[in-house]
PDB file of N, CA and C in Angstrom:
ATOM      1  N   MET A   1       2.233  13.044 -13.571  1.00  0.00           N
ATOM      2  CA  MET A   1       2.583  11.658 -13.322  1.00  0.00           C
ATOM      3  C   MET A   1       3.064  11.538 -11.865  1.00  0.00           C
ATOM      4  N   THR A   2       2.535  10.552 -11.155  1.00  0.00           N
ATOM      5  CA  THR A   2       2.906  10.373  -9.751  1.00  0.00           C
ATOM      6  C   THR A   2       4.195   9.567  -9.620  1.00  0.00           C
ATOM      7  N   ILE A   3       4.789   9.639  -8.450  1.00  0.00           N
ATOM      8  CA  ILE A   3       5.980   8.845  -8.167  1.00  0.00           C
ATOM      9  C   ILE A   3       5.668   7.353  -8.266  1.00  0.00           C
ATOM     10  N   PHE A   4       4.455   6.957  -7.912  1.00  0.00           N
ATOM     11  CA  PHE A   4       4.094   5.540  -8.001  1.00  0.00           C
ATOM     12  C   PHE A   4       4.007   5.098  -9.463  1.00  0.00           C
ATOM     13  N   LYS A   5       3.505   5.943 -10.340  1.00  0.00           N
ATOM     14  CA  LYS A   5       3.467   5.619 -11.766  1.00  0.00           C
ATOM     15  C   LYS A   5       4.892   5.468 -12.291  1.00  0.00           C
ATOM     16  N   LYS A   6       5.797   6.321 -11.833  1.00  0.00           N
ATOM     17  CA  LYS A   6       7.203   6.227 -12.255  1.00  0.00           C
ATOM     18  C   LYS A   6       7.831   4.928 -11.749  1.00  0.00           C
ATOM     19  N   ILE A   7       7.448   4.495 -10.555  1.00  0.00           N
ATOM     20  CA  ILE A   7       7.930   3.205 -10.044  1.00  0.00           C
ATOM     21  C   ILE A   7       7.360   2.078 -10.901  1.00  0.00           C
ATOM     22  N   LEU A   8       6.056   2.130 -11.185  1.00  0.00           N
ATOM     23  CA  LEU A   8       5.430   1.104 -12.027  1.00  0.00           C
ATOM     24  C   LEU A   8       6.080   1.034 -13.407  1.00  0.00           C
ATOM     25  N   ASP A   9       6.469   2.183 -13.947  1.00  0.00           N
ATOM     26  CA  ASP A   9       7.081   2.249 -15.275  1.00  0.00           C
ATOM     27  C   ASP A   9       8.572   1.932 -15.255  1.00  0.00           C
ATOM     28  N   GLY A  10       9.135   1.703 -14.072  1.00  0.00           N
ATOM     29  CA  GLY A  10      10.549   1.384 -13.965  1.00  0.00           C
ATOM     30  C   GLY A  10      11.474   2.586 -14.037  1.00  0.00           C
ATOM     31  N   GLU A  11      10.914   3.785 -13.970  1.00  0.00           N
ATOM     32  CA  GLU A  11      11.734   4.998 -14.026  1.00  0.00           C
ATOM     33  C   GLU A  11      12.420   5.287 -12.692  1.00  0.00           C
ATOM     34  N   ILE A  12      11.818   4.808 -11.610  1.00  0.00           N
ATOM     35  CA  ILE A  12      12.369   4.981 -10.268  1.00  0.00           C
ATOM     36  C   ILE A  12      12.479   3.592  -9.656  1.00  0.00           C
ATOM     37  N   PRO A  13      13.648   3.255  -9.092  1.00  0.00           N
ATOM     38  CA  PRO A  13      13.792   1.925  -8.496  1.00  0.00           C
ATOM     39  C   PRO A  13      13.023   1.814  -7.183  1.00  0.00           C
ATOM     40  N   ALA A  14      12.637   0.585  -6.863  1.00  0.00           N
ATOM     41  CA  ALA A  14      11.947   0.309  -5.608  1.00  0.00           C
ATOM     42  C   ALA A  14      12.360  -1.079  -5.139  1.00  0.00           C
ATOM     43  N   GLU A  15      12.331  -1.276  -3.824  1.00  0.00           N
ATOM     44  CA  GLU A  15      12.616  -2.591  -3.262  1.00  0.00           C
ATOM     45  C   GLU A  15      11.310  -3.379  -3.249  1.00  0.00           C
ATOM     46  N   VAL A  16      11.082  -4.115  -4.297  1.00  0.00           N
ATOM     47  CA  VAL A  16       9.820  -4.825  -4.529  1.00  0.00           C
ATOM     48  C   VAL A  16       9.766  -6.094  -3.680  1.00  0.00           C
ATOM     49  N   VAL A  17       8.622  -6.297  -3.026  1.00  0.00           N
ATOM     50  CA  VAL A  17       8.401  -7.528  -2.260  1.00  0.00           C
ATOM     51  C   VAL A  17       7.306  -8.397  -2.889  1.00  0.00           C
ATOM     52  N   HIS A  18       6.529  -7.823  -3.805  1.00  0.00           N
ATOM     53  CA  HIS A  18       5.506  -8.585  -4.534  1.00  0.00           C
ATOM     54  C   HIS A  18       5.179  -7.849  -5.827  1.00  0.00           C
ATOM     55  N   ASP A  19       4.984  -8.635  -6.890  1.00  0.00           N
ATOM     56  CA  ASP A  19       4.625  -8.063  -8.188  1.00  0.00           C
ATOM     57  C   ASP A  19       3.756  -9.075  -8.914  1.00  0.00           C
ATOM     58  N   ASP A  20       2.577  -8.647  -9.350  1.00  0.00           N
ATOM     59  CA  ASP A  20       1.726  -9.495 -10.180  1.00  0.00           C
ATOM     60  C   ASP A  20       1.042  -8.617 -11.220  1.00  0.00           C
ATOM     61  N   THR A  21       0.111  -9.163 -11.962  1.00  0.00           N
ATOM     62  CA  THR A  21      -0.507  -8.405 -13.054  1.00  0.00           C
ATOM     63  C   THR A  21      -1.342  -7.228 -12.570  1.00  0.00           C
ATOM     64  N   ASP A  22      -1.821  -7.276 -11.320  1.00  0.00           N
ATOM     65  CA  ASP A  22      -2.720  -6.234 -10.817  1.00  0.00           C
ATOM     66  C   ASP A  22      -2.101  -5.263  -9.823  1.00  0.00           C
ATOM     67  N   CYS A  23      -1.027  -5.687  -9.151  1.00  0.00           N
ATOM     68  CA  CYS A  23      -0.494  -4.811  -8.107  1.00  0.00           C
ATOM     69  C   CYS A  23       1.003  -4.983  -7.907  1.00  0.00           C
ATOM     70  N   LEU A  24       1.563  -4.023  -7.189  1.00  0.00           N
ATOM     71  CA  LEU A  24       2.974  -4.013  -6.839  1.00  0.00           C
ATOM     72  C   LEU A  24       3.075  -3.666  -5.363  1.00  0.00           C
ATOM     73  N   ALA A  25       3.954  -4.359  -4.648  1.00  0.00           N
ATOM     74  CA  ALA A  25       4.210  -4.045  -3.239  1.00  0.00           C
ATOM     75  C   ALA A  25       5.700  -3.797  -3.085  1.00  0.00           C
ATOM     76  N   PHE A  26       6.030  -2.709  -2.375  1.00  0.00           N
ATOM     77  CA  PHE A  26       7.438  -2.333  -2.218  1.00  0.00           C
ATOM     78  C   PHE A  26       7.637  -1.620  -0.892  1.00  0.00           C
ATOM     79  N   ARG A  27       8.870  -1.605  -0.421  1.00  0.00           N
ATOM     80  CA  ARG A  27       9.196  -0.961   0.852  1.00  0.00           C
ATOM     81  C   ARG A  27       9.123   0.558   0.707  1.00  0.00           C
ATOM     82  N   ASP A  28       8.538   1.196   1.712  1.00  0.00           N
ATOM     83  CA  ASP A  28       8.449   2.660   1.739  1.00  0.00           C
ATOM     84  C   ASP A  28       9.844   3.230   1.965  1.00  0.00           C
ATOM     85  N   VAL A  29      10.208   4.264   1.212  1.00  0.00           N
ATOM     86  CA  VAL A  29      11.537   4.866   1.363  1.00  0.00           C
ATOM     87  C   VAL A  29      11.636   5.726   2.617  1.00  0.00           C
ATOM     88  N   ASN A  30      10.498   6.034   3.238  1.00  0.00           N
ATOM     89  CA  ASN A  30      10.470   6.817   4.477  1.00  0.00           C
ATOM     90  C   ASN A  30       9.644   6.036   5.499  1.00  0.00           C
ATOM     91  N   PRO A  31      10.175   4.896   5.972  1.00  0.00           N
ATOM     92  CA  PRO A  31       9.366   4.014   6.819  1.00  0.00           C
ATOM     93  C   PRO A  31       8.956   4.645   8.144  1.00  0.00           C
ATOM     94  N   GLN A  32       7.708   4.374   8.530  1.00  0.00           N
ATOM     95  CA  GLN A  32       7.158   4.862   9.792  1.00  0.00           C
ATOM     96  C   GLN A  32       7.085   3.758  10.840  1.00  0.00           C
ATOM     97  N   ALA A  33       7.608   2.588  10.493  1.00  0.00           N
ATOM     98  CA  ALA A  33       7.671   1.434  11.388  1.00  0.00           C
ATOM     99  C   ALA A  33       8.800   0.549  10.875  1.00  0.00           C
ATOM    100  N   PRO A  34       9.270  -0.407  11.683  1.00  0.00           N
ATOM    101  CA  PRO A  34      10.333  -1.289  11.203  1.00  0.00           C
ATOM    102  C   PRO A  34       9.997  -1.979   9.873  1.00  0.00           C
ATOM    103  N   VAL A  35       8.738  -2.339   9.693  1.00  0.00           N
ATOM    104  CA  VAL A  35       8.269  -2.842   8.399  1.00  0.00           C
ATOM    105  C   VAL A  35       7.217  -1.862   7.900  1.00  0.00           C
ATOM    106  N   HIS A  36       7.453  -1.309   6.724  1.00  0.00           N
ATOM    107  CA  HIS A  36       6.507  -0.369   6.116  1.00  0.00           C
ATOM    108  C   HIS A  36       6.516  -0.635   4.614  1.00  0.00           C
ATOM    109  N   ILE A  37       5.477  -1.296   4.156  1.00  0.00           N
ATOM    110  CA  ILE A  37       5.369  -1.680   2.753  1.00  0.00           C
ATOM    111  C   ILE A  37       4.124  -1.031   2.163  1.00  0.00           C
ATOM    112  N   LEU A  38       4.247  -0.570   0.934  1.00  0.00           N
ATOM    113  CA  LEU A  38       3.130   0.007   0.204  1.00  0.00           C
ATOM    114  C   LEU A  38       2.638  -1.008  -0.818  1.00  0.00           C
ATOM    115  N   VAL A  39       1.335  -1.183  -0.890  1.00  0.00           N
ATOM    116  CA  VAL A  39       0.718  -2.056  -1.890  1.00  0.00           C
ATOM    117  C   VAL A  39      -0.140  -1.158  -2.770  1.00  0.00           C
ATOM    118  N   ILE A  40       0.179  -1.139  -4.064  1.00  0.00           N
ATOM    119  CA  ILE A  40      -0.516  -0.236  -4.989  1.00  0.00           C
ATOM    120  C   ILE A  40      -1.100  -1.019  -6.163  1.00  0.00           C
ATOM    121  N   PRO A  41      -2.244  -0.569  -6.663  1.00  0.00           N
ATOM    122  CA  PRO A  41      -2.765  -1.192  -7.884  1.00  0.00           C
ATOM    123  C   PRO A  41      -1.980  -0.690  -9.091  1.00  0.00           C
ATOM    124  N   LYS A  42      -1.867  -1.514 -10.100  1.00  0.00           N
ATOM    125  CA  LYS A  42      -1.234  -1.062 -11.343  1.00  0.00           C
ATOM    126  C   LYS A  42      -2.193  -0.175 -12.134  1.00  0.00           C
ATOM    127  N   LYS A  43      -3.474  -0.334 -11.901  1.00  0.00           N
ATOM    128  CA  LYS A  43      -4.460   0.567 -12.500  1.00  0.00           C
ATOM    129  C   LYS A  43      -4.352   1.903 -11.776  1.00  0.00           C
ATOM    130  N   GLU A  44      -4.329   2.978 -12.535  1.00  0.00           N
ATOM    131  CA  GLU A  44      -4.232   4.300 -11.918  1.00  0.00           C
ATOM    132  C   GLU A  44      -5.593   4.721 -11.365  1.00  0.00           C
ATOM    133  N   ILE A  45      -5.691   4.729 -10.045  1.00  0.00           N
ATOM    134  CA  ILE A  45      -6.868   5.192  -9.315  1.00  0.00           C
ATOM    135  C   ILE A  45      -6.336   6.192  -8.298  1.00  0.00           C
ATOM    136  N   ALA A  46      -6.871   7.394  -8.286  1.00  0.00           N
ATOM    137  CA  ALA A  46      -6.315   8.445  -7.422  1.00  0.00           C
ATOM    138  C   ALA A  46      -6.431   8.110  -5.935  1.00  0.00           C
ATOM    139  N   ASN A  47      -7.588   7.619  -5.514  1.00  0.00           N
ATOM    140  CA  ASN A  47      -7.772   7.316  -4.092  1.00  0.00           C
ATOM    141  C   ASN A  47      -8.989   6.407  -3.921  1.00  0.00           C
ATOM    142  N   LEU A  48      -9.230   6.010  -2.704  1.00  0.00           N
ATOM    143  CA  LEU A  48     -10.331   5.078  -2.427  1.00  0.00           C
ATOM    144  C   LEU A  48     -11.680   5.669  -2.826  1.00  0.00           C
ATOM    145  N   ALA A  49     -11.829   6.978  -2.677  1.00  0.00           N
ATOM    146  CA  ALA A  49     -13.091   7.632  -3.030  1.00  0.00           C
ATOM    147  C   ALA A  49     -13.371   7.583  -4.530  1.00  0.00           C
ATOM    148  N   ASP A  50     -12.337   7.368  -5.329  1.00  0.00           N
ATOM    149  CA  ASP A  50     -12.501   7.331  -6.782  1.00  0.00           C
ATOM    150  C   ASP A  50     -12.718   5.928  -7.330  1.00  0.00           C
ATOM    151  N   THR A  51     -12.856   4.943  -6.461  1.00  0.00           N
ATOM    152  CA  THR A  51     -13.104   3.585  -6.960  1.00  0.00           C
ATOM    153  C   THR A  51     -14.539   3.483  -7.457  1.00  0.00           C
ATOM    154  N   GLU A  52     -14.730   2.555  -8.372  1.00  0.00           N
ATOM    155  CA  GLU A  52     -16.026   2.330  -9.000  1.00  0.00           C
ATOM    156  C   GLU A  52     -16.458   0.882  -8.762  1.00  0.00           C
ATOM    157  N   PRO A  53     -17.730   0.562  -8.971  1.00  0.00           N
ATOM    158  CA  PRO A  53     -18.172  -0.824  -8.799  1.00  0.00           C
ATOM    159  C   PRO A  53     -17.329  -1.826  -9.597  1.00  0.00           C
ATOM    160  N   GLU A  54     -16.841  -1.429 -10.768  1.00  0.00           N
ATOM    161  CA  GLU A  54     -16.032  -2.353 -11.567  1.00  0.00           C
ATOM    162  C   GLU A  54     -14.656  -2.624 -10.955  1.00  0.00           C
ATOM    163  N   ASP A  55     -14.285  -1.889  -9.915  1.00  0.00           N
ATOM    164  CA  ASP A  55     -13.012  -2.106  -9.223  1.00  0.00           C
ATOM    165  C   ASP A  55     -13.129  -3.130  -8.093  1.00  0.00           C
ATOM    166  N   GLN A  56     -14.301  -3.705  -7.902  1.00  0.00           N
ATOM    167  CA  GLN A  56     -14.528  -4.628  -6.785  1.00  0.00           C
ATOM    168  C   GLN A  56     -13.532  -5.786  -6.782  1.00  0.00           C
ATOM    169  N   ARG A  57     -13.317  -6.432  -7.910  1.00  0.00           N
ATOM    170  CA  ARG A  57     -12.380  -7.550  -7.969  1.00  0.00           C
ATOM    171  C   ARG A  57     -10.966  -7.082  -7.627  1.00  0.00           C
ATOM    172  N   LEU A  58     -10.553  -5.956  -8.180  1.00  0.00           N
ATOM    173  CA  LEU A  58      -9.219  -5.415  -7.922  1.00  0.00           C
ATOM    174  C   LEU A  58      -9.039  -5.096  -6.441  1.00  0.00           C
ATOM    175  N   LEU A  59     -10.041  -4.472  -5.824  1.00  0.00           N
ATOM    176  CA  LEU A  59      -9.940  -4.120  -4.407  1.00  0.00           C
ATOM    177  C   LEU A  59      -9.819  -5.372  -3.536  1.00  0.00           C
ATOM    178  N   GLY A  60     -10.572  -6.410  -3.860  1.00  0.00           N
ATOM    179  CA  GLY A  60     -10.451  -7.669  -3.138  1.00  0.00           C
ATOM    180  C   GLY A  60      -9.065  -8.268  -3.308  1.00  0.00           C
ATOM    181  N   HIS A  61      -8.546  -8.208  -4.522  1.00  0.00           N
ATOM    182  CA  HIS A  61      -7.202  -8.721  -4.800  1.00  0.00           C
ATOM    183  C   HIS A  61      -6.161  -7.956  -3.974  1.00  0.00           C
ATOM    184  N   LEU A  62      -6.297  -6.638  -3.933  1.00  0.00           N
ATOM    185  CA  LEU A  62      -5.348  -5.818  -3.171  1.00  0.00           C
ATOM    186  C   LEU A  62      -5.351  -6.208  -1.697  1.00  0.00           C
ATOM    187  N   LEU A  63      -6.530  -6.391  -1.109  1.00  0.00           N
ATOM    188  CA  LEU A  63      -6.593  -6.764   0.310  1.00  0.00           C
ATOM    189  C   LEU A  63      -6.001  -8.146   0.561  1.00  0.00           C
ATOM    190  N   LEU A  64      -6.224  -9.075  -0.349  1.00  0.00           N
ATOM    191  CA  LEU A  64      -5.605 -10.390  -0.205  1.00  0.00           C
ATOM    192  C   LEU A  64      -4.084 -10.289  -0.285  1.00  0.00           C
ATOM    193  N   LYS A  65      -3.586  -9.438  -1.152  1.00  0.00           N
ATOM    194  CA  LYS A  65      -2.139  -9.260  -1.275  1.00  0.00           C
ATOM    195  C   LYS A  65      -1.564  -8.534  -0.070  1.00  0.00           C
ATOM    196  N   VAL A  66      -2.316  -7.605   0.513  1.00  0.00           N
ATOM    197  CA  VAL A  66      -1.885  -6.962   1.757  1.00  0.00           C
ATOM    198  C   VAL A  66      -1.648  -8.034   2.820  1.00  0.00           C
ATOM    199  N   ALA A  67      -2.601  -8.944   2.981  1.00  0.00           N
ATOM    200  CA  ALA A  67      -2.459 -10.009   3.979  1.00  0.00           C
ATOM    201  C   ALA A  67      -1.297 -10.934   3.638  1.00  0.00           C
ATOM    202  N   GLU A  68      -1.133 -11.252   2.359  1.00  0.00           N
ATOM    203  CA  GLU A  68      -0.039 -12.120   1.927  1.00  0.00           C
ATOM    204  C   GLU A  68       1.319 -11.467   2.202  1.00  0.00           C
ATOM    205  N   VAL A  69       1.437 -10.184   1.888  1.00  0.00           N
ATOM    206  CA  VAL A  69       2.679  -9.455   2.139  1.00  0.00           C
ATOM    207  C   VAL A  69       2.971  -9.418   3.636  1.00  0.00           C
ATOM    208  N   ALA A  70       1.948  -9.147   4.436  1.00  0.00           N
ATOM    209  CA  ALA A  70       2.141  -9.119   5.896  1.00  0.00           C
ATOM    210  C   ALA A  70       2.650 -10.470   6.395  1.00  0.00           C
ATOM    211  N   ARG A  71       2.055 -11.554   5.916  1.00  0.00           N
ATOM    212  CA  ARG A  71       2.519 -12.902   6.296  1.00  0.00           C
ATOM    213  C   ARG A  71       3.958 -13.127   5.864  1.00  0.00           C
ATOM    214  N   SER A  72       4.298 -12.698   4.660  1.00  0.00           N
ATOM    215  CA  SER A  72       5.651 -12.918   4.145  1.00  0.00           C
ATOM    216  C   SER A  72       6.703 -12.179   4.967  1.00  0.00           C
ATOM    217  N   GLN A  73       6.274 -11.138   5.665  1.00  0.00           N
ATOM    218  CA  GLN A  73       7.185 -10.355   6.509  1.00  0.00           C
ATOM    219  C   GLN A  73       7.126 -10.793   7.972  1.00  0.00           C
ATOM    220  N   GLY A  74       6.330 -11.819   8.263  1.00  0.00           N
ATOM    221  CA  GLY A  74       6.199 -12.322   9.626  1.00  0.00           C
ATOM    222  C   GLY A  74       5.345 -11.456  10.527  1.00  0.00           C
ATOM    223  N   LEU A  75       4.558 -10.561   9.942  1.00  0.00           N
ATOM    224  CA  LEU A  75       3.757  -9.633  10.742  1.00  0.00           C
ATOM    225  C   LEU A  75       2.482 -10.259  11.285  1.00  0.00           C
ATOM    226  N   ASP A  76       2.041 -11.364  10.704  1.00  0.00           N
ATOM    227  CA  ASP A  76       0.778 -11.980  11.120  1.00  0.00           C
ATOM    228  C   ASP A  76       0.848 -12.545  12.537  1.00  0.00           C
ATOM    229  N   LYS A  77       2.024 -12.828  13.035  1.00  0.00           N
ATOM    230  CA  LYS A  77       2.160 -13.420  14.368  1.00  0.00           C
ATOM    231  C   LYS A  77       1.872 -12.420  15.488  1.00  0.00           C
ATOM    232  N   GLU A  78       2.372 -11.204  15.360  1.00  0.00           N
ATOM    233  CA  GLU A  78       2.207 -10.186  16.404  1.00  0.00           C
ATOM    234  C   GLU A  78       1.202  -9.105  16.042  1.00  0.00           C
ATOM    235  N   GLY A  79       0.868  -9.010  14.761  1.00  0.00           N
ATOM    236  CA  GLY A  79      -0.103  -8.014  14.318  1.00  0.00           C
ATOM    237  C   GLY A  79       0.522  -6.901  13.499  1.00  0.00           C
ATOM    238  N   TYR A  80      -0.332  -6.203  12.787  1.00  0.00           N
ATOM    239  CA  TYR A  80       0.110  -5.125  11.914  1.00  0.00           C
ATOM    240  C   TYR A  80      -1.061  -4.184  11.664  1.00  0.00           C
ATOM    241  N   ARG A  81      -0.768  -3.056  11.065  1.00  0.00           N
ATOM    242  CA  ARG A  81      -1.803  -2.071  10.733  1.00  0.00           C
ATOM    243  C   ARG A  81      -1.817  -1.867   9.229  1.00  0.00           C
ATOM    244  N   VAL A  82      -3.017  -1.685   8.679  1.00  0.00           N
ATOM    245  CA  VAL A  82      -3.197  -1.354   7.272  1.00  0.00           C
ATOM    246  C   VAL A  82      -3.883   0.011   7.230  1.00  0.00           C
ATOM    247  N   VAL A  83      -3.282   0.942   6.493  1.00  0.00           N
ATOM    248  CA  VAL A  83      -3.803   2.303   6.423  1.00  0.00           C
ATOM    249  C   VAL A  83      -4.011   2.685   4.972  1.00  0.00           C
ATOM    250  N   VAL A  84      -5.155   3.309   4.693  1.00  0.00           N
ATOM    251  CA  VAL A  84      -5.431   3.890   3.378  1.00  0.00           C
ATOM    252  C   VAL A  84      -5.809   5.347   3.616  1.00  0.00           C
ATOM    253  N   ASN A  85      -4.917   6.252   3.277  1.00  0.00           N
ATOM    254  CA  ASN A  85      -5.201   7.678   3.404  1.00  0.00           C
ATOM    255  C   ASN A  85      -5.940   8.135   2.151  1.00  0.00           C
ATOM    256  N   THR A  86      -6.975   8.953   2.333  1.00  0.00           N
ATOM    257  CA  THR A  86      -7.769   9.419   1.202  1.00  0.00           C
ATOM    258  C   THR A  86      -7.936  10.930   1.285  1.00  0.00           C
ATOM    259  N   GLY A  87      -7.414  11.614   0.286  1.00  0.00           N
ATOM    260  CA  GLY A  87      -7.535  13.067   0.218  1.00  0.00           C
ATOM    261  C   GLY A  87      -6.578  13.794   1.146  1.00  0.00           C
ATOM    262  N   ARG A  88      -6.511  15.089   0.962  1.00  0.00           N
ATOM    263  CA  ARG A  88      -5.575  15.935   1.707  1.00  0.00           C
ATOM    264  C   ARG A  88      -5.789  15.834   3.207  1.00  0.00           C
ATOM    265  N   ASN A  89      -7.036  15.982   3.667  1.00  0.00           N
ATOM    266  CA  ASN A  89      -7.293  15.917   5.108  1.00  0.00           C
ATOM    267  C   ASN A  89      -7.088  14.520   5.675  1.00  0.00           C
ATOM    268  N   GLY A  90      -7.124  13.521   4.822  1.00  0.00           N
ATOM    269  CA  GLY A  90      -6.862  12.147   5.242  1.00  0.00           C
ATOM    270  C   GLY A  90      -5.382  11.814   5.278  1.00  0.00           C
ATOM    271  N   GLY A  91      -4.545  12.758   4.868  1.00  0.00           N
ATOM    272  CA  GLY A  91      -3.100  12.551   4.906  1.00  0.00           C
ATOM    273  C   GLY A  91      -2.517  11.954   3.635  1.00  0.00           C
ATOM    274  N   GLN A  92      -3.294  11.897   2.555  1.00  0.00           N
ATOM    275  CA  GLN A  92      -2.782  11.330   1.312  1.00  0.00           C
ATOM    276  C   GLN A  92      -1.795  12.289   0.670  1.00  0.00           C
ATOM    277  N   SER A  93      -0.591  11.799   0.375  1.00  0.00           N
ATOM    278  CA  SER A  93       0.436  12.657  -0.229  1.00  0.00           C
ATOM    279  C   SER A  93       0.741  12.280  -1.679  1.00  0.00           C
ATOM    280  N   VAL A  94       0.318  11.100  -2.114  1.00  0.00           N
ATOM    281  CA  VAL A  94       0.501  10.680  -3.509  1.00  0.00           C
ATOM    282  C   VAL A  94      -0.876  10.312  -4.051  1.00  0.00           C
ATOM    283  N   ASP A  95      -1.252  10.936  -5.154  1.00  0.00           N
ATOM    284  CA  ASP A  95      -2.577  10.709  -5.735  1.00  0.00           C
ATOM    285  C   ASP A  95      -2.618   9.428  -6.564  1.00  0.00           C
ATOM    286  N   HIS A  96      -2.364   8.327  -5.888  1.00  0.00           N
ATOM    287  CA  HIS A  96      -2.472   6.981  -6.461  1.00  0.00           C
ATOM    288  C   HIS A  96      -2.842   6.098  -5.278  1.00  0.00           C
ATOM    289  N   LEU A  97      -3.966   5.412  -5.361  1.00  0.00           N
ATOM    290  CA  LEU A  97      -4.431   4.559  -4.273  1.00  0.00           C
ATOM    291  C   LEU A  97      -3.304   3.673  -3.774  1.00  0.00           C
ATOM    292  N   HIS A  98      -3.126   3.616  -2.458  1.00  0.00           N
ATOM    293  CA  HIS A  98      -2.107   2.739  -1.890  1.00  0.00           C
ATOM    294  C   HIS A  98      -2.462   2.357  -0.463  1.00  0.00           C
ATOM    295  N   PHE A  99      -2.055   1.154  -0.108  1.00  0.00           N
ATOM    296  CA  PHE A  99      -2.261   0.602   1.218  1.00  0.00           C
ATOM    297  C   PHE A  99      -0.917   0.564   1.928  1.00  0.00           C
ATOM    298  N   HIS A 100      -0.855   1.153   3.119  1.00  0.00           N
ATOM    299  CA  HIS A 100       0.347   1.070   3.943  1.00  0.00           C
ATOM    300  C   HIS A 100       0.215  -0.168   4.827  1.00  0.00           C
ATOM    301  N   VAL A 101       1.216  -1.013   4.824  1.00  0.00           N
ATOM    302  CA  VAL A 101       1.283  -2.161   5.726  1.00  0.00           C
ATOM    303  C   VAL A 101       2.397  -1.842   6.712  1.00  0.00           C
ATOM    304  N   LEU A 102       2.018  -1.644   7.980  1.00  0.00           N
ATOM    305  CA  LEU A 102       2.960  -1.216   9.015  1.00  0.00           C
ATOM    306  C   LEU A 102       3.031  -2.245  10.133  1.00  0.00           C
ATOM    307  N   GLY A 103       4.230  -2.566  10.567  1.00  0.00           N
ATOM    308  CA  GLY A 103       4.369  -3.512  11.663  1.00  0.00           C
ATOM    309  C   GLY A 103       5.799  -3.612  12.137  1.00  0.00           C
ATOM    310  N   GLY A 104       6.018  -4.595  12.987  1.00  0.00           N
ATOM    311  CA  GLY A 104       7.357  -4.799  13.534  1.00  0.00           C
ATOM    312  C   GLY A 104       7.573  -4.135  14.882  1.00  0.00           C
ATOM    313  N   ARG A 105       6.556  -3.454  15.381  1.00  0.00           N
ATOM    314  CA  ARG A 105       6.571  -2.846  16.720  1.00  0.00           C
ATOM    315  C   ARG A 105       5.136  -2.604  17.143  1.00  0.00           C
ATOM    316  N   SER A 106       4.952  -2.306  18.416  1.00  0.00           N
ATOM    317  CA  SER A 106       3.621  -1.970  18.905  1.00  0.00           C
ATOM    318  C   SER A 106       3.225  -0.600  18.344  1.00  0.00           C
ATOM    319  N   LEU A 107       2.032  -0.527  17.791  1.00  0.00           N
ATOM    320  CA  LEU A 107       1.539   0.723  17.182  1.00  0.00           C
ATOM    321  C   LEU A 107       0.474   1.316  18.077  1.00  0.00           C
ATOM    322  N   GLY A 108       0.613   2.590  18.408  1.00  0.00           N
ATOM    323  CA  GLY A 108      -0.320   3.244  19.321  1.00  0.00           C
ATOM    324  C   GLY A 108      -1.622   3.640  18.632  1.00  0.00           C
ATOM    325  N   TRP A 109      -2.582   4.020  19.470  1.00  0.00           N
ATOM    326  CA  TRP A 109      -3.877   4.503  18.982  1.00  0.00           C
ATOM    327  C   TRP A 109      -4.330   5.639  19.862  1.00  0.00           C
ATOM    328  N   PRO A 110      -4.895   6.705  19.386  1.00  0.00           N
ATOM    329  CA  PRO A 110      -5.205   6.923  17.978  1.00  0.00           C
ATOM    330  C   PRO A 110      -3.953   7.271  17.185  1.00  0.00           C
ATOM    331  N   PRO A 111      -4.009   7.036  15.873  1.00  0.00           N
ATOM    332  CA  PRO A 111      -2.832   7.251  15.040  1.00  0.00           C
ATOM    333  C   PRO A 111      -2.633   8.688  14.590  1.00  0.00           C
ATOM    334  N   GLY A 112      -2.717   9.677  15.074  1.00  0.00           N
ATOM    335  CA  GLY A 112      -2.445  10.950  14.419  1.00  0.00           C
ATOM    336  C   GLY A 112      -3.483  11.897  14.686  1.00  0.00           C
TER     337      GLY A 112
END
């Protein structure tokens, strides 16, 4: 069981900024920017590579919520970054699909 599943199940507290039937958005406990929010599907999907055609609606919903969360944090005015790490070499540390929403400062490129 992943830490994100434990958050979804209420076993671990999180500072939630959005919650609906399909996804949860909460502040990262180890922020890499002044604003660092994770948006996760409630459906257990290990990573982006494991999505299926039937996940198309869910993936669209997640991206819309990423933009909504960014707006709610005032990030749309100056800009923000959305990151999806996939697999070990991609930097994924939790095997549950998640979108990082990072902002609140200028972000350099390349990222890592």
